[in-house]
Amino acid sequence: MDELKTLESLGFALPSPAYLAGALLFGIIGYAAYRYGKKASLGGFKWIGVALMLYPYAISETWQLYAVGAGLCVGLYAYRK
């Protein structure tokens, strides 16, 4: 437990369970979109899928994670044929 407090004093913090659940959810959706885009030769689906899988590494706030993920999912919906 002392190691956790030491890391927190250095500015490192563990993500909340809501953040982890969102990152997992959007990662799975991104993987499915990537696979579908690759199989159907749809570049838009493939790249939005890659973005869904990778953007949680660049965002640290939970509300931003869900906002960007929802926006990318809306992009998937709008891009469908």
Protein backbone atom coordinates (compact mmCIF):
# COMPACT_ATOMS: atom_id res chain seq x y z
CA MET A 1 0.00 0.00 0.00
CA ASP A 2 2.95 2.31 0.58
CA GLU A 3 4.00 1.90 -3.04
CA LEU A 4 0.59 3.10 -4.19
CA LYS A 5 0.84 6.22 -2.04
CA THR A 6 4.34 6.86 -3.33
CA LEU A 7 3.13 6.61 -6.93
CA GLU A 8 0.19 8.91 -6.18
CA SER A 9 2.55 11.49 -4.68
CA LEU A 10 4.54 11.39 -7.94
CA GLY A 11 1.38 12.12 -9.96
CA PHE A 12 0.47 8.59 -11.04
CA ALA A 13 -3.06 7.38 -10.37
CA LEU A 14 -4.95 4.22 -11.21
CA PRO A 15 -7.91 4.67 -13.56
CA SER A 16 -11.41 4.28 -12.22
CA PRO A 17 -13.45 1.14 -12.92
CA ALA A 18 -15.74 3.21 -15.17
CA TYR A 19 -12.72 4.27 -17.25
CA LEU A 20 -11.48 0.69 -17.56
CA ALA A 21 -14.94 -0.55 -18.57
CA GLY A 22 -15.26 2.18 -21.20
CA ALA A 23 -11.79 1.52 -22.60
CA LEU A 24 -12.59 -2.18 -22.86
CA LEU A 25 -16.01 -1.54 -24.43
CA PHE A 26 -14.74 0.88 -27.06
CA GLY A 27 -11.71 -1.31 -27.72
CA ILE A 28 -13.95 -4.28 -28.50
CA ILE A 29 -16.18 -2.15 -30.74
CA GLY A 30 -13.07 -0.81 -32.46
CA TYR A 31 -11.69 -4.29 -33.02
CA ALA A 32 -14.99 -5.45 -34.53
CA ALA A 33 -15.15 -2.38 -36.79
CA TYR A 34 -11.54 -2.91 -37.88
CA ARG A 35 -12.16 -6.56 -38.74
CA TYR A 36 -15.34 -5.73 -40.64
CA GLY A 37 -13.66 -2.89 -42.53
CA LYS A 38 -10.74 -5.09 -43.46
CA LYS A 39 -12.98 -7.95 -44.60
CA ALA A 40 -15.32 -5.70 -46.61
CA SER A 41 -12.51 -3.44 -47.92
CA LEU A 42 -14.03 -0.35 -46.30
CA GLY A 43 -11.24 2.01 -45.34
CA GLY A 44 -13.47 4.26 -43.22
CA PHE A 45 -14.60 1.44 -40.98
CA LYS A 46 -11.05 0.17 -40.65
CA TRP A 47 -9.58 3.53 -39.61
CA ILE A 48 -12.40 4.44 -37.24
CA GLY A 49 -11.88 1.02 -35.67
CA VAL A 50 -8.18 1.73 -35.22
CA ALA A 51 -9.04 5.09 -33.65
CA LEU A 52 -11.50 3.42 -31.26
CA MET A 53 -8.85 0.94 -30.19
CA LEU A 54 -6.07 3.49 -29.65
CA TYR A 55 -7.61 6.72 -28.36
CA PRO A 56 -7.98 5.57 -24.71
CA TYR A 57 -4.18 5.74 -24.44
CA ALA A 58 -4.28 9.49 -25.14
CA ILE A 59 -7.22 10.47 -22.90
CA SER A 60 -7.10 10.48 -19.12
CA GLU A 61 -10.53 11.76 -18.07
CA THR A 62 -13.46 9.36 -17.93
CA TRP A 63 -16.00 11.81 -19.34
CA GLN A 64 -13.71 12.55 -22.29
CA LEU A 65 -13.28 8.81 -22.93
CA TYR A 66 -17.03 8.33 -23.21
CA ALA A 67 -17.57 11.53 -25.24
CA VAL A 68 -14.93 10.69 -27.84
CA GLY A 69 -15.96 7.02 -27.94
CA ALA A 70 -19.60 7.95 -28.49
CA GLY A 71 -18.57 10.38 -31.23
CA LEU A 72 -16.52 7.73 -33.01
CA CYS A 73 -19.38 5.24 -32.72
CA VAL A 74 -21.73 7.83 -34.25
CA GLY A 75 -19.15 8.14 -37.04
CA LEU A 76 -19.34 4.39 -37.58
CA TYR A 77 -23.11 4.56 -37.71
CA ALA A 78 -23.06 7.47 -40.15
CA TYR A 79 -20.48 5.77 -42.38
CA ARG A 80 -22.45 2.55 -42.79
CA LYS A 81 -23.92 1.86 -46.22
